[in-house]
Amino acid sequence: MNEIEIRLFATLREGRFARKKMKINGVERVEDLIRKLDMKPEEVAIIFVNKRHARPDTKIHPGDIISFFPKIGGG
């Protein structure tokens, strides 16, 4: 199995998807995945890999679940 699951939340879903499985050919780190998904790094405020906080330079492995959250505003 050479797949990961990607979960997008809130405004990151707009024009994209909520949940998707994807082969990780050529994707080694979270930052590579952000580019592959045509997201701008500044759009992504919080990253989780397998329910643990992660950074853009975190390595991706088959079977990982990667969640992206945008900046959250409010008052």
PDB file of N, CA and C in Angstrom:
ATOM      1  N   MET A   1       0.844  -1.178   0.000  1.00  0.00           N
ATOM      2  CA  MET A   1       0.000   0.000   0.000  1.00  0.00           C
ATOM      3  C   MET A   1       0.889   1.241   0.000  1.00  0.00           C
ATOM      4  N   ASN A   2       0.819   2.028  -1.018  1.00  0.00           N
ATOM      5  CA  ASN A   2       1.629   3.228  -1.160  1.00  0.00           C
ATOM      6  C   ASN A   2       0.727   4.457  -1.156  1.00  0.00           C
ATOM      7  N   GLU A   3      -0.274   4.460  -0.242  1.00  0.00           N
ATOM      8  CA  GLU A   3      -1.252   5.538  -0.202  1.00  0.00           C
ATOM      9  C   GLU A   3      -1.233   6.240   1.140  1.00  0.00           C
ATOM     10  N   ILE A   4      -1.696   7.494   1.114  1.00  0.00           N
ATOM     11  CA  ILE A   4      -1.948   8.248   2.325  1.00  0.00           C
ATOM     12  C   ILE A   4      -3.385   8.744   2.250  1.00  0.00           C
ATOM     13  N   GLU A   5      -3.915   9.179   3.387  1.00  0.00           N
ATOM     14  CA  GLU A   5      -5.228   9.810   3.406  1.00  0.00           C
ATOM     15  C   GLU A   5      -5.027  11.275   3.767  1.00  0.00           C
ATOM     16  N   ILE A   6      -5.668  12.153   3.018  1.00  0.00           N
ATOM     17  CA  ILE A   6      -5.569  13.587   3.254  1.00  0.00           C
ATOM     18  C   ILE A   6      -6.928  14.086   3.703  1.00  0.00           C
ATOM     19  N   ARG A   7      -6.920  14.899   4.757  1.00  0.00           N
ATOM     20  CA  ARG A   7      -8.153  15.497   5.258  1.00  0.00           C
ATOM     21  C   ARG A   7      -7.970  17.008   5.295  1.00  0.00           C
ATOM     22  N   LEU A   8      -8.889  17.713   4.660  1.00  0.00           N
ATOM     23  CA  LEU A   8      -8.859  19.171   4.642  1.00  0.00           C
ATOM     24  C   LEU A   8     -10.020  19.696   5.466  1.00  0.00           C
ATOM     25  N   PHE A   9      -9.790  20.789   6.169  1.00  0.00           N
ATOM     26  CA  PHE A   9     -10.816  21.347   7.046  1.00  0.00           C
ATOM     27  C   PHE A   9     -11.096  22.801   6.704  1.00  0.00           C
ATOM     28  N   ALA A  10     -12.319  23.207   7.025  1.00  0.00           N
ATOM     29  CA  ALA A  10     -12.794  24.590   6.889  1.00  0.00           C
ATOM     30  C   ALA A  10     -12.546  25.136   5.483  1.00  0.00           C
ATOM     31  N   THR A  11     -11.949  26.298   5.368  1.00  0.00           N
ATOM     32  CA  THR A  11     -11.799  26.962   4.067  1.00  0.00           C
ATOM     33  C   THR A  11     -10.866  26.219   3.120  1.00  0.00           C
ATOM     34  N   LEU A  12     -10.026  25.333   3.619  1.00  0.00           N
ATOM     35  CA  LEU A  12      -9.147  24.572   2.730  1.00  0.00           C
ATOM     36  C   LEU A  12      -9.921  23.599   1.847  1.00  0.00           C
ATOM     37  N   ARG A  13     -11.153  23.285   2.239  1.00  0.00           N
ATOM     38  CA  ARG A  13     -11.996  22.390   1.437  1.00  0.00           C
ATOM     39  C   ARG A  13     -12.582  23.073   0.204  1.00  0.00           C
ATOM     40  N   GLU A  14     -12.684  24.384   0.243  1.00  0.00           N
ATOM     41  CA  GLU A  14     -13.350  25.121  -0.828  1.00  0.00           C
ATOM     42  C   GLU A  14     -12.650  24.885  -2.169  1.00  0.00           C
ATOM     43  N   GLY A  15     -13.390  24.306  -3.100  1.00  0.00           N
ATOM     44  CA  GLY A  15     -12.851  24.007  -4.421  1.00  0.00           C
ATOM     45  C   GLY A  15     -11.930  22.789  -4.447  1.00  0.00           C
ATOM     46  N   ARG A  16     -11.844  22.090  -3.328  1.00  0.00           N
ATOM     47  CA  ARG A  16     -10.983  20.905  -3.258  1.00  0.00           C
ATOM     48  C   ARG A  16     -11.818  19.695  -2.835  1.00  0.00           C
ATOM     49  N   PHE A  17     -11.580  19.200  -1.667  1.00  0.00           N
ATOM     50  CA  PHE A  17     -12.255  18.003  -1.151  1.00  0.00           C
ATOM     51  C   PHE A  17     -12.167  18.022   0.362  1.00  0.00           C
ATOM     52  N   ALA A  18     -12.935  17.147   1.013  1.00  0.00           N
ATOM     53  CA  ALA A  18     -12.859  17.020   2.468  1.00  0.00           C
ATOM     54  C   ALA A  18     -11.891  15.904   2.858  1.00  0.00           C
ATOM     55  N   ARG A  19     -11.967  14.808   2.117  1.00  0.00           N
ATOM     56  CA  ARG A  19     -11.150  13.631   2.429  1.00  0.00           C
ATOM     57  C   ARG A  19     -10.805  12.936   1.123  1.00  0.00           C
ATOM     58  N   LYS A  20      -9.560  12.485   1.021  1.00  0.00           N
ATOM     59  CA  LYS A  20      -9.125  11.852  -0.222  1.00  0.00           C
ATOM     60  C   LYS A  20      -7.955  10.919   0.056  1.00  0.00           C
ATOM     61  N   LYS A  21      -7.945   9.778  -0.640  1.00  0.00           N
ATOM     62  CA  LYS A  21      -6.790   8.881  -0.598  1.00  0.00           C
ATOM     63  C   LYS A  21      -5.953   9.155  -1.835  1.00  0.00           C
ATOM     64  N   MET A  22      -4.641   9.085  -1.671  1.00  0.00           N
ATOM     65  CA  MET A  22      -3.751   9.460  -2.757  1.00  0.00           C
ATOM     66  C   MET A  22      -2.461   8.656  -2.674  1.00  0.00           C
ATOM     67  N   LYS A  23      -1.945   8.275  -3.843  1.00  0.00           N
ATOM     68  CA  LYS A  23      -0.636   7.618  -3.887  1.00  0.00           C
ATOM     69  C   LYS A  23       0.432   8.662  -3.615  1.00  0.00           C
ATOM     70  N   ILE A  24       1.496   8.272  -2.942  1.00  0.00           N
ATOM     71  CA  ILE A  24       2.495   9.256  -2.530  1.00  0.00           C
ATOM     72  C   ILE A  24       3.743   9.257  -3.402  1.00  0.00           C
ATOM     73  N   ASN A  25       3.643   8.802  -4.622  1.00  0.00           N
ATOM     74  CA  ASN A  25       4.800   8.815  -5.515  1.00  0.00           C
ATOM     75  C   ASN A  25       5.354  10.229  -5.629  1.00  0.00           C
ATOM     76  N   GLY A  26       6.628  10.394  -5.298  1.00  0.00           N
ATOM     77  CA  GLY A  26       7.282  11.695  -5.407  1.00  0.00           C
ATOM     78  C   GLY A  26       6.972  12.660  -4.275  1.00  0.00           C
ATOM     79  N   VAL A  27       6.208  12.233  -3.295  1.00  0.00           N
ATOM     80  CA  VAL A  27       5.879  13.083  -2.146  1.00  0.00           C
ATOM     81  C   VAL A  27       6.599  12.509  -0.930  1.00  0.00           C
ATOM     82  N   GLU A  28       7.576  13.246  -0.425  1.00  0.00           N
ATOM     83  CA  GLU A  28       8.363  12.747   0.702  1.00  0.00           C
ATOM     84  C   GLU A  28       8.050  13.457   2.006  1.00  0.00           C
ATOM     85  N   ARG A  29       7.686  14.739   1.921  1.00  0.00           N
ATOM     86  CA  ARG A  29       7.442  15.543   3.115  1.00  0.00           C
ATOM     87  C   ARG A  29       6.095  16.258   2.991  1.00  0.00           C
ATOM     88  N   VAL A  30       5.598  16.717   4.123  1.00  0.00           N
ATOM     89  CA  VAL A  30       4.328  17.437   4.136  1.00  0.00           C
ATOM     90  C   VAL A  30       4.379  18.642   3.191  1.00  0.00           C
ATOM     91  N   GLU A  31       5.492  19.362   3.164  1.00  0.00           N
ATOM     92  CA  GLU A  31       5.594  20.542   2.292  1.00  0.00           C
ATOM     93  C   GLU A  31       5.463  20.170   0.820  1.00  0.00           C
ATOM     94  N   ASP A  32       5.932  18.976   0.432  1.00  0.00           N
ATOM     95  CA  ASP A  32       5.755  18.508  -0.949  1.00  0.00           C
ATOM     96  C   ASP A  32       4.274  18.287  -1.241  1.00  0.00           C
ATOM     97  N   LEU A  33       3.568  17.738  -0.257  1.00  0.00           N
ATOM     98  CA  LEU A  33       2.139  17.475  -0.417  1.00  0.00           C
ATOM     99  C   LEU A  33       1.352  18.781  -0.547  1.00  0.00           C
ATOM    100  N   ILE A  34       1.714  19.772   0.242  1.00  0.00           N
ATOM    101  CA  ILE A  34       1.047  21.073   0.163  1.00  0.00           C
ATOM    102  C   ILE A  34       1.160  21.627  -1.259  1.00  0.00           C
ATOM    103  N   ARG A  35       2.352  21.549  -1.832  1.00  0.00           N
ATOM    104  CA  ARG A  35       2.548  22.031  -3.211  1.00  0.00           C
ATOM    105  C   ARG A  35       1.752  21.190  -4.209  1.00  0.00           C
ATOM    106  N   LYS A  36       1.776  19.865  -4.029  1.00  0.00           N
ATOM    107  CA  LYS A  36       1.068  18.973  -4.950  1.00  0.00           C
ATOM    108  C   LYS A  36      -0.441  19.248  -4.944  1.00  0.00           C
ATOM    109  N   LEU A  37      -0.961  19.677  -3.808  1.00  0.00           N
ATOM    110  CA  LEU A  37      -2.391  19.979  -3.683  1.00  0.00           C
ATOM    111  C   LEU A  37      -2.716  21.415  -4.109  1.00  0.00           C
ATOM    112  N   ASP A  38      -1.744  22.121  -4.655  1.00  0.00           N
ATOM    113  CA  ASP A  38      -1.907  23.511  -5.089  1.00  0.00           C
ATOM    114  C   ASP A  38      -2.385  24.425  -3.972  1.00  0.00           C
ATOM    115  N   MET A  39      -1.877  24.174  -2.767  1.00  0.00           N
ATOM    116  CA  MET A  39      -2.156  25.066  -1.645  1.00  0.00           C
ATOM    117  C   MET A  39      -0.914  25.920  -1.414  1.00  0.00           C
ATOM    118  N   LYS A  40      -1.124  27.112  -0.908  1.00  0.00           N
ATOM    119  CA  LYS A  40      -0.008  27.970  -0.542  1.00  0.00           C
ATOM    120  C   LYS A  40       0.380  27.657   0.900  1.00  0.00           C
ATOM    121  N   PRO A  41       1.664  27.591   1.199  1.00  0.00           N
ATOM    122  CA  PRO A  41       2.085  27.288   2.580  1.00  0.00           C
ATOM    123  C   PRO A  41       1.446  28.209   3.615  1.00  0.00           C
ATOM    124  N   GLU A  42       1.236  29.472   3.263  1.00  0.00           N
ATOM    125  CA  GLU A  42       0.646  30.402   4.223  1.00  0.00           C
ATOM    126  C   GLU A  42      -0.840  30.142   4.469  1.00  0.00           C
ATOM    127  N   GLU A  43      -1.485  29.334   3.623  1.00  0.00           N
ATOM    128  CA  GLU A  43      -2.893  28.947   3.835  1.00  0.00           C
ATOM    129  C   GLU A  43      -3.026  27.948   4.975  1.00  0.00           C
ATOM    130  N   VAL A  44      -1.979  27.183   5.206  1.00  0.00           N
ATOM    131  CA  VAL A  44      -2.019  26.082   6.171  1.00  0.00           C
ATOM    132  C   VAL A  44      -1.421  26.540   7.495  1.00  0.00           C
ATOM    133  N   ALA A  45      -2.236  26.533   8.549  1.00  0.00           N
ATOM    134  CA  ALA A  45      -1.765  26.974   9.858  1.00  0.00           C
ATOM    135  C   ALA A  45      -1.430  25.801  10.777  1.00  0.00           C
ATOM    136  N   ILE A  46      -2.194  24.721  10.661  1.00  0.00           N
ATOM    137  CA  ILE A  46      -2.009  23.577  11.555  1.00  0.00           C
ATOM    138  C   ILE A  46      -1.960  22.312  10.723  1.00  0.00           C
ATOM    139  N   ILE A  47      -1.006  21.447  11.047  1.00  0.00           N
ATOM    140  CA  ILE A  47      -0.815  20.175  10.332  1.00  0.00           C
ATOM    141  C   ILE A  47      -0.770  19.056  11.372  1.00  0.00           C
ATOM    142  N   PHE A  48      -1.505  17.987  11.085  1.00  0.00           N
ATOM    143  CA  PHE A  48      -1.417  16.781  11.897  1.00  0.00           C
ATOM    144  C   PHE A  48      -1.074  15.610  10.990  1.00  0.00           C
ATOM    145  N   VAL A  49      -0.184  14.756  11.456  1.00  0.00           N
ATOM    146  CA  VAL A  49       0.109  13.484  10.786  1.00  0.00           C
ATOM    147  C   VAL A  49      -0.201  12.407  11.818  1.00  0.00           C
ATOM    148  N   ASN A  50      -1.180  11.579  11.488  1.00  0.00           N
ATOM    149  CA  ASN A  50      -1.629  10.514  12.395  1.00  0.00           C
ATOM    150  C   ASN A  50      -2.025  11.075  13.761  1.00  0.00           C
ATOM    151  N   LYS A  51      -2.778  12.178  13.739  1.00  0.00           N
ATOM    152  CA  LYS A  51      -3.328  12.828  14.936  1.00  0.00           C
ATOM    153  C   LYS A  51      -2.271  13.444  15.845  1.00  0.00           C
ATOM    154  N   ARG A  52      -1.054  13.634  15.319  1.00  0.00           N
ATOM    155  CA  ARG A  52       0.004  14.287  16.084  1.00  0.00           C
ATOM    156  C   ARG A  52       0.441  15.539  15.340  1.00  0.00           C
ATOM    157  N   HIS A  53       0.687  16.592  16.091  1.00  0.00           N
ATOM    158  CA  HIS A  53       1.103  17.849  15.481  1.00  0.00           C
ATOM    159  C   HIS A  53       2.362  17.618  14.645  1.00  0.00           C
ATOM    160  N   ALA A  54       2.395  18.224  13.452  1.00  0.00           N
ATOM    161  CA  ALA A  54       3.516  18.027  12.527  1.00  0.00           C
ATOM    162  C   ALA A  54       3.937  19.363  11.930  1.00  0.00           C
ATOM    163  N   ARG A  55       5.065  19.344  11.257  1.00  0.00           N
ATOM    164  CA  ARG A  55       5.607  20.532  10.601  1.00  0.00           C
ATOM    165  C   ARG A  55       5.720  20.272   9.102  1.00  0.00           C
ATOM    166  N   PRO A  56       5.937  21.320   8.309  1.00  0.00           N
ATOM    167  CA  PRO A  56       6.066  21.119   6.862  1.00  0.00           C
ATOM    168  C   PRO A  56       7.195  20.161   6.471  1.00  0.00           C
ATOM    169  N   ASP A  57       8.248  20.070   7.281  1.00  0.00           N
ATOM    170  CA  ASP A  57       9.358  19.185   6.929  1.00  0.00           C
ATOM    171  C   ASP A  57       9.188  17.752   7.454  1.00  0.00           C
ATOM    172  N   THR A  58       8.013  17.444   8.020  1.00  0.00           N
ATOM    173  CA  THR A  58       7.735  16.082   8.509  1.00  0.00           C
ATOM    174  C   THR A  58       7.675  15.114   7.336  1.00  0.00           C
ATOM    175  N   LYS A  59       8.355  13.970   7.481  1.00  0.00           N
ATOM    176  CA  LYS A  59       8.337  12.949   6.431  1.00  0.00           C
ATOM    177  C   LYS A  59       6.985  12.255   6.396  1.00  0.00           C
ATOM    178  N   ILE A  60       6.581  11.860   5.186  1.00  0.00           N
ATOM    179  CA  ILE A  60       5.324  11.141   4.964  1.00  0.00           C
ATOM    180  C   ILE A  60       5.644   9.681   4.666  1.00  0.00           C
ATOM    181  N   HIS A  61       4.827   8.792   5.248  1.00  0.00           N
ATOM    182  CA  HIS A  61       5.003   7.354   5.040  1.00  0.00           C
ATOM    183  C   HIS A  61       3.687   6.743   4.569  1.00  0.00           C
ATOM    184  N   PRO A  62       3.746   5.652   3.818  1.00  0.00           N
ATOM    185  CA  PRO A  62       2.512   4.988   3.393  1.00  0.00           C
ATOM    186  C   PRO A  62       1.619   4.685   4.599  1.00  0.00           C
ATOM    187  N   GLY A  63       0.336   4.925   4.428  1.00  0.00           N
ATOM    188  CA  GLY A  63      -0.634   4.671   5.483  1.00  0.00           C
ATOM    189  C   GLY A  63      -0.891   5.866   6.394  1.00  0.00           C
ATOM    190  N   ASP A  64      -0.098   6.933   6.269  1.00  0.00           N
ATOM    191  CA  ASP A  64      -0.294   8.117   7.101  1.00  0.00           C
ATOM    192  C   ASP A  64      -1.619   8.798   6.795  1.00  0.00           C
ATOM    193  N   ILE A  65      -2.171   9.452   7.812  1.00  0.00           N
ATOM    194  CA  ILE A  65      -3.349  10.303   7.671  1.00  0.00           C
ATOM    195  C   ILE A  65      -2.880  11.716   7.970  1.00  0.00           C
ATOM    196  N   ILE A  66      -3.012  12.592   6.984  1.00  0.00           N
ATOM    197  CA  ILE A  66      -2.509  13.950   7.106  1.00  0.00           C
ATOM    198  C   ILE A  66      -3.679  14.916   7.066  1.00  0.00           C
ATOM    199  N   SER A  67      -3.757  15.758   8.089  1.00  0.00           N
ATOM    200  CA  SER A  67      -4.860  16.720   8.211  1.00  0.00           C
ATOM    201  C   SER A  67      -4.301  18.134   8.152  1.00  0.00           C
ATOM    202  N   PHE A  68      -4.995  18.979   7.393  1.00  0.00           N
ATOM    203  CA  PHE A  68      -4.600  20.374   7.238  1.00  0.00           C
ATOM    204  C   PHE A  68      -5.718  21.289   7.708  1.00  0.00           C
ATOM    205  N   PHE A  69      -5.360  22.299   8.502  1.00  0.00           N
ATOM    206  CA  PHE A  69      -6.306  23.285   9.004  1.00  0.00           C
ATOM    207  C   PHE A  69      -5.822  24.675   8.620  1.00  0.00           C
ATOM    208  N   PRO A  70      -6.738  25.560   8.224  1.00  0.00           N
ATOM    209  CA  PRO A  70      -6.347  26.933   7.911  1.00  0.00           C
ATOM    210  C   PRO A  70      -6.221  27.758   9.194  1.00  0.00           C
ATOM    211  N   LYS A  71      -5.778  28.986   9.020  1.00  0.00           N
ATOM    212  CA  LYS A  71      -5.796  29.923  10.149  1.00  0.00           C
ATOM    213  C   LYS A  71      -7.239  30.128  10.539  1.00  0.00           C
ATOM    214  N   ILE A  72      -7.474  30.224  11.823  1.00  0.00           N
ATOM    215  CA  ILE A  72      -8.850  30.381  12.309  1.00  0.00           C
ATOM    216  C   ILE A  72      -8.969  31.754  12.940  1.00  0.00           C
ATOM    217  N   GLY A  73      -9.931  32.506  12.453  1.00  0.00           N
ATOM    218  CA  GLY A  73     -10.160  33.838  13.012  1.00  0.00           C
ATOM    219  C   GLY A  73     -11.476  33.872  13.750  1.00  0.00           C
ATOM    220  N   GLY A  74     -11.687  34.908  14.455  1.00  0.00           N
ATOM    221  CA  GLY A  74     -12.953  35.024  15.157  1.00  0.00           C
ATOM    222  C   GLY A  74     -12.861  36.103  16.219  1.00  0.00           C
ATOM    223  N   GLY A  75     -13.951  36.266  16.880  1.00  0.00           N
ATOM    224  CA  GLY A  75     -13.934  37.339  17.866  1.00  0.00           C
ATOM    225  C   GLY A  75     -14.762  37.038  19.051  1.00  0.00           C
TER     226      GLY A  75
END
